[in-house]
Amino acid sequence: MGATTHVITKQVVKTVASRNQTLIDMIEALPAERVAEVEDFVEFLSAKARRQAALGRLLEIAPALEAAGAPPVSEEDVLAEIAALRGTRRAAD
């Protein structure tokens, strides 16, 4: 790693650490019910990222599935699978 890259990397780490601390300070200043809202929002963002990653993985394997002769899956099939999975998860709670 060159000297310039090392300096830039250190600056990025400092910036991220500073931003993280700023967020922590802001959250700590909130009343408890607002902290709960922040937690809910962070969970929402995490779930959204997981869904996007799963879609990306599915799209990556789509050509292999097609080449293997797998039948196409309709949007209705996908929605039915999602509903079934959600029902199973709710029943487990």
N, C-alpha and C. Protein backbone atom coordinates (compact mmCIF):
# COMPACT_ATOMS: atom_id res chain seq x y z
N MET A 1 0.85 -1.17 0.00
CA MET A 1 0.00 0.00 0.00
C MET A 1 0.89 1.23 0.00
N GLY A 2 0.61 2.18 -0.89
CA GLY A 2 1.42 3.39 -0.98
C GLY A 2 1.12 4.35 0.15
N ALA A 3 2.00 5.33 0.32
CA ALA A 3 1.85 6.30 1.41
C ALA A 3 0.56 7.10 1.27
N THR A 4 0.22 7.49 0.03
CA THR A 4 -1.00 8.26 -0.20
C THR A 4 -2.23 7.44 0.16
N THR A 5 -2.25 6.18 -0.25
CA THR A 5 -3.39 5.30 0.05
C THR A 5 -3.52 5.11 1.55
N HIS A 6 -2.40 4.97 2.24
CA HIS A 6 -2.42 4.79 3.69
C HIS A 6 -3.00 6.01 4.38
N VAL A 7 -2.63 7.21 3.95
CA VAL A 7 -3.14 8.45 4.55
C VAL A 7 -4.64 8.58 4.29
N ILE A 8 -5.07 8.27 3.06
CA ILE A 8 -6.49 8.34 2.72
C ILE A 8 -7.28 7.34 3.56
N THR A 9 -6.75 6.13 3.71
CA THR A 9 -7.42 5.11 4.51
C THR A 9 -7.58 5.57 5.95
N LYS A 10 -6.54 6.15 6.53
CA LYS A 10 -6.61 6.65 7.91
C LYS A 10 -7.65 7.76 8.03
N GLN A 11 -7.74 8.63 7.02
CA GLN A 11 -8.73 9.70 7.04
C GLN A 11 -10.15 9.14 6.97
N VAL A 12 -10.35 8.13 6.15
CA VAL A 12 -11.67 7.51 6.03
C VAL A 12 -12.06 6.86 7.35
N VAL A 13 -11.14 6.16 7.97
CA VAL A 13 -11.41 5.52 9.26
C VAL A 13 -11.78 6.57 10.31
N LYS A 14 -11.06 7.67 10.35
CA LYS A 14 -11.37 8.74 11.30
C LYS A 14 -12.74 9.33 11.03
N THR A 15 -13.07 9.55 9.76
CA THR A 15 -14.37 10.12 9.39
C THR A 15 -15.50 9.18 9.80
N VAL A 16 -15.35 7.89 9.54
CA VAL A 16 -16.38 6.91 9.90
C VAL A 16 -16.53 6.85 11.41
N ALA A 17 -15.43 6.82 12.13
CA ALA A 17 -15.48 6.77 13.60
C ALA A 17 -16.16 8.02 14.14
N SER A 18 -15.87 9.17 13.58
CA SER A 18 -16.48 10.42 14.02
C SER A 18 -17.98 10.41 13.75
N ARG A 19 -18.37 9.93 12.57
CA ARG A 19 -19.79 9.85 12.22
C ARG A 19 -20.51 8.87 13.15
N ASN A 20 -19.88 7.74 13.42
CA ASN A 20 -20.48 6.76 14.33
C ASN A 20 -20.69 7.36 15.71
N GLN A 21 -19.69 8.06 16.21
CA GLN A 21 -19.82 8.66 17.54
C GLN A 21 -20.91 9.73 17.54
N THR A 22 -21.00 10.49 16.47
CA THR A 22 -22.06 11.51 16.38
C THR A 22 -23.44 10.85 16.44
N LEU A 23 -23.62 9.75 15.73
CA LEU A 23 -24.89 9.03 15.76
C LEU A 23 -25.18 8.48 17.16
N ILE A 24 -24.17 7.92 17.78
CA ILE A 24 -24.35 7.40 19.14
C ILE A 24 -24.76 8.52 20.08
N ASP A 25 -24.10 9.66 20.00
CA ASP A 25 -24.43 10.80 20.86
C ASP A 25 -25.86 11.27 20.62
N MET A 26 -26.28 11.31 19.37
CA MET A 26 -27.64 11.74 19.04
C MET A 26 -28.67 10.76 19.59
N ILE A 27 -28.39 9.47 19.45
CA ILE A 27 -29.32 8.45 19.95
C ILE A 27 -29.40 8.50 21.46
N GLU A 28 -28.27 8.64 22.12
CA GLU A 28 -28.25 8.70 23.58
C GLU A 28 -29.01 9.91 24.12
N ALA A 29 -29.13 10.96 23.32
CA ALA A 29 -29.84 12.16 23.76
C ALA A 29 -31.36 12.04 23.60
N LEU A 30 -31.82 11.00 22.91
CA LEU A 30 -33.25 10.82 22.67
C LEU A 30 -33.96 10.20 23.86
N PRO A 31 -35.26 10.51 24.00
CA PRO A 31 -36.04 9.79 25.02
C PRO A 31 -36.22 8.33 24.59
N ALA A 32 -36.53 7.47 25.55
CA ALA A 32 -36.58 6.02 25.31
C ALA A 32 -37.50 5.64 24.16
N GLU A 33 -38.66 6.28 24.05
CA GLU A 33 -39.59 5.90 22.98
C GLU A 33 -39.03 6.24 21.59
N ARG A 34 -38.23 7.28 21.52
CA ARG A 34 -37.61 7.63 20.23
C ARG A 34 -36.48 6.65 19.90
N VAL A 35 -35.77 6.20 20.93
CA VAL A 35 -34.71 5.20 20.71
C VAL A 35 -35.34 3.94 20.13
N ALA A 36 -36.52 3.57 20.63
CA ALA A 36 -37.22 2.40 20.11
C ALA A 36 -37.55 2.60 18.63
N GLU A 37 -37.93 3.81 18.24
CA GLU A 37 -38.21 4.10 16.83
C GLU A 37 -36.94 3.96 15.99
N VAL A 38 -35.83 4.43 16.53
CA VAL A 38 -34.55 4.30 15.82
C VAL A 38 -34.22 2.83 15.63
N GLU A 39 -34.41 2.03 16.68
CA GLU A 39 -34.16 0.59 16.58
C GLU A 39 -35.02 -0.04 15.50
N ASP A 40 -36.30 0.33 15.48
CA ASP A 40 -37.21 -0.21 14.46
C ASP A 40 -36.74 0.17 13.05
N PHE A 41 -36.31 1.42 12.90
CA PHE A 41 -35.86 1.88 11.58
C PHE A 41 -34.59 1.16 11.15
N VAL A 42 -33.66 0.97 12.07
CA VAL A 42 -32.43 0.25 11.75
C VAL A 42 -32.74 -1.19 11.36
N GLU A 43 -33.68 -1.83 12.08
CA GLU A 43 -34.09 -3.18 11.72
C GLU A 43 -34.72 -3.21 10.33
N PHE A 44 -35.54 -2.20 10.02
CA PHE A 44 -36.14 -2.09 8.68
C PHE A 44 -35.06 -1.99 7.61
N LEU A 45 -34.07 -1.13 7.84
CA LEU A 45 -32.99 -0.98 6.86
C LEU A 45 -32.19 -2.26 6.69
N SER A 46 -31.95 -2.97 7.79
CA SER A 46 -31.23 -4.24 7.72
C SER A 46 -32.02 -5.28 6.92
N ALA A 47 -33.32 -5.35 7.18
CA ALA A 47 -34.16 -6.30 6.45
C ALA A 47 -34.19 -5.96 4.97
N LYS A 48 -34.25 -4.69 4.66
CA LYS A 48 -34.25 -4.25 3.26
C LYS A 48 -32.95 -4.65 2.58
N ALA A 49 -31.84 -4.47 3.26
CA ALA A 49 -30.54 -4.85 2.69
C ALA A 49 -30.46 -6.37 2.48
N ARG A 50 -31.00 -7.14 3.43
CA ARG A 50 -31.00 -8.60 3.28
C ARG A 50 -31.85 -9.03 2.09
N ARG A 51 -33.01 -8.37 1.93
CA ARG A 51 -33.88 -8.70 0.78
C ARG A 51 -33.18 -8.38 -0.54
N GLN A 52 -32.53 -7.23 -0.59
CA GLN A 52 -31.83 -6.85 -1.81
C GLN A 52 -30.69 -7.81 -2.11
N ALA A 53 -29.97 -8.23 -1.09
CA ALA A 53 -28.88 -9.18 -1.28
C ALA A 53 -29.42 -10.53 -1.77
N ALA A 54 -30.53 -10.96 -1.20
CA ALA A 54 -31.14 -12.23 -1.62
C ALA A 54 -31.59 -12.15 -3.07
N LEU A 55 -32.18 -11.04 -3.45
CA LEU A 55 -32.59 -10.86 -4.84
C LEU A 55 -31.37 -10.88 -5.76
N GLY A 56 -30.31 -10.24 -5.34
CA GLY A 56 -29.09 -10.26 -6.14
C GLY A 56 -28.55 -11.66 -6.34
N ARG A 57 -28.57 -12.46 -5.26
CA ARG A 57 -28.10 -13.85 -5.38
C ARG A 57 -29.00 -14.64 -6.31
N LEU A 58 -30.30 -14.41 -6.21
CA LEU A 58 -31.24 -15.11 -7.09
C LEU A 58 -31.00 -14.74 -8.55
N LEU A 59 -30.80 -13.46 -8.80
CA LEU A 59 -30.56 -13.03 -10.18
C LEU A 59 -29.24 -13.58 -10.71
N GLU A 60 -28.26 -13.77 -9.83
CA GLU A 60 -26.98 -14.34 -10.27
C GLU A 60 -27.13 -15.78 -10.73
N ILE A 61 -28.03 -16.54 -10.09
CA ILE A 61 -28.17 -17.95 -10.47
C ILE A 61 -29.25 -18.18 -11.51
N ALA A 62 -30.01 -17.14 -11.84
CA ALA A 62 -31.10 -17.30 -12.81
C ALA A 62 -30.63 -17.91 -14.13
N PRO A 63 -29.52 -17.46 -14.72
CA PRO A 63 -29.10 -18.07 -15.98
C PRO A 63 -28.79 -19.57 -15.84
N ALA A 64 -28.20 -19.97 -14.71
CA ALA A 64 -27.89 -21.39 -14.50
C ALA A 64 -29.17 -22.20 -14.36
N LEU A 65 -30.16 -21.63 -13.68
CA LEU A 65 -31.44 -22.33 -13.55
C LEU A 65 -32.10 -22.51 -14.92
N GLU A 66 -32.06 -21.47 -15.71
CA GLU A 66 -32.64 -21.55 -17.05
C GLU A 66 -31.90 -22.58 -17.90
N ALA A 67 -30.59 -22.57 -17.83
CA ALA A 67 -29.78 -23.52 -18.61
C ALA A 67 -30.02 -24.95 -18.17
N ALA A 68 -30.36 -25.14 -16.90
CA ALA A 68 -30.62 -26.48 -16.37
C ALA A 68 -32.03 -26.96 -16.70
N GLY A 69 -32.82 -26.09 -17.31
CA GLY A 69 -34.16 -26.48 -17.70
C GLY A 69 -35.20 -26.31 -16.60
N ALA A 70 -34.86 -25.57 -15.55
CA ALA A 70 -35.83 -25.33 -14.47
C ALA A 70 -36.99 -24.51 -15.02
N PRO A 71 -38.21 -24.87 -14.64
CA PRO A 71 -39.35 -24.11 -15.16
C PRO A 71 -39.35 -22.69 -14.61
N PRO A 72 -39.81 -21.75 -15.40
CA PRO A 72 -39.85 -20.37 -14.91
C PRO A 72 -40.82 -20.25 -13.73
N VAL A 73 -40.54 -19.32 -12.84
CA VAL A 73 -41.36 -19.09 -11.67
C VAL A 73 -42.10 -17.78 -11.87
N SER A 74 -43.41 -17.81 -11.69
CA SER A 74 -44.21 -16.60 -11.87
C SER A 74 -44.16 -15.74 -10.61
N GLU A 75 -44.56 -14.51 -10.78
CA GLU A 75 -44.63 -13.60 -9.63
C GLU A 75 -45.62 -14.14 -8.59
N GLU A 76 -46.70 -14.74 -9.07
CA GLU A 76 -47.69 -15.32 -8.15
C GLU A 76 -47.07 -16.46 -7.34
N ASP A 77 -46.22 -17.28 -7.98
CA ASP A 77 -45.54 -18.36 -7.27
C ASP A 77 -44.64 -17.80 -6.16
N VAL A 78 -43.92 -16.75 -6.49
CA VAL A 78 -43.03 -16.13 -5.51
C VAL A 78 -43.83 -15.57 -4.34
N LEU A 79 -44.91 -14.86 -4.65
CA LEU A 79 -45.73 -14.28 -3.59
C LEU A 79 -46.35 -15.37 -2.70
N ALA A 80 -46.75 -16.49 -3.31
CA ALA A 80 -47.30 -17.59 -2.53
C ALA A 80 -46.25 -18.18 -1.60
N GLU A 81 -45.03 -18.33 -2.08
CA GLU A 81 -43.94 -18.84 -1.24
C GLU A 81 -43.65 -17.90 -0.09
N ILE A 82 -43.65 -16.60 -0.37
CA ILE A 82 -43.39 -15.60 0.67
C ILE A 82 -44.49 -15.68 1.73
N ALA A 83 -45.74 -15.74 1.28
CA ALA A 83 -46.86 -15.81 2.23
C ALA A 83 -46.77 -17.06 3.09
N ALA A 84 -46.40 -18.18 2.48
CA ALA A 84 -46.27 -19.42 3.25
C ALA A 84 -45.15 -19.31 4.28
N LEU A 85 -44.03 -18.74 3.90
CA LEU A 85 -42.91 -18.57 4.83
C LEU A 85 -43.29 -17.65 5.98
N ARG A 86 -43.95 -16.54 5.65
CA ARG A 86 -44.38 -15.61 6.71
C ARG A 86 -45.36 -16.30 7.66
N GLY A 87 -46.27 -17.11 7.12
CA GLY A 87 -47.22 -17.82 7.96
C GLY A 87 -46.50 -18.77 8.90
N THR A 88 -45.48 -19.45 8.40
CA THR A 88 -44.69 -20.38 9.22
C THR A 88 -43.97 -19.62 10.32
N ARG A 89 -43.40 -18.48 9.99
CA ARG A 89 -42.69 -17.68 10.99
C ARG A 89 -43.63 -17.16 12.06
N ARG A 90 -44.82 -16.70 11.64
CA ARG A 90 -45.78 -16.17 12.61
C ARG A 90 -46.27 -17.29 13.54
N ALA A 91 -46.47 -18.47 12.99
CA ALA A 91 -46.93 -19.60 13.80
C ALA A 91 -45.88 -20.00 14.83
N ALA A 92 -44.60 -19.80 14.49
CA ALA A 92 -43.51 -20.15 15.41
C ALA A 92 -43.39 -19.13 16.55
N ASP A 93 -43.88 -17.91 16.32
CA ASP A 93 -43.78 -16.87 17.37
C ASP A 93 -44.73 -17.09 18.43
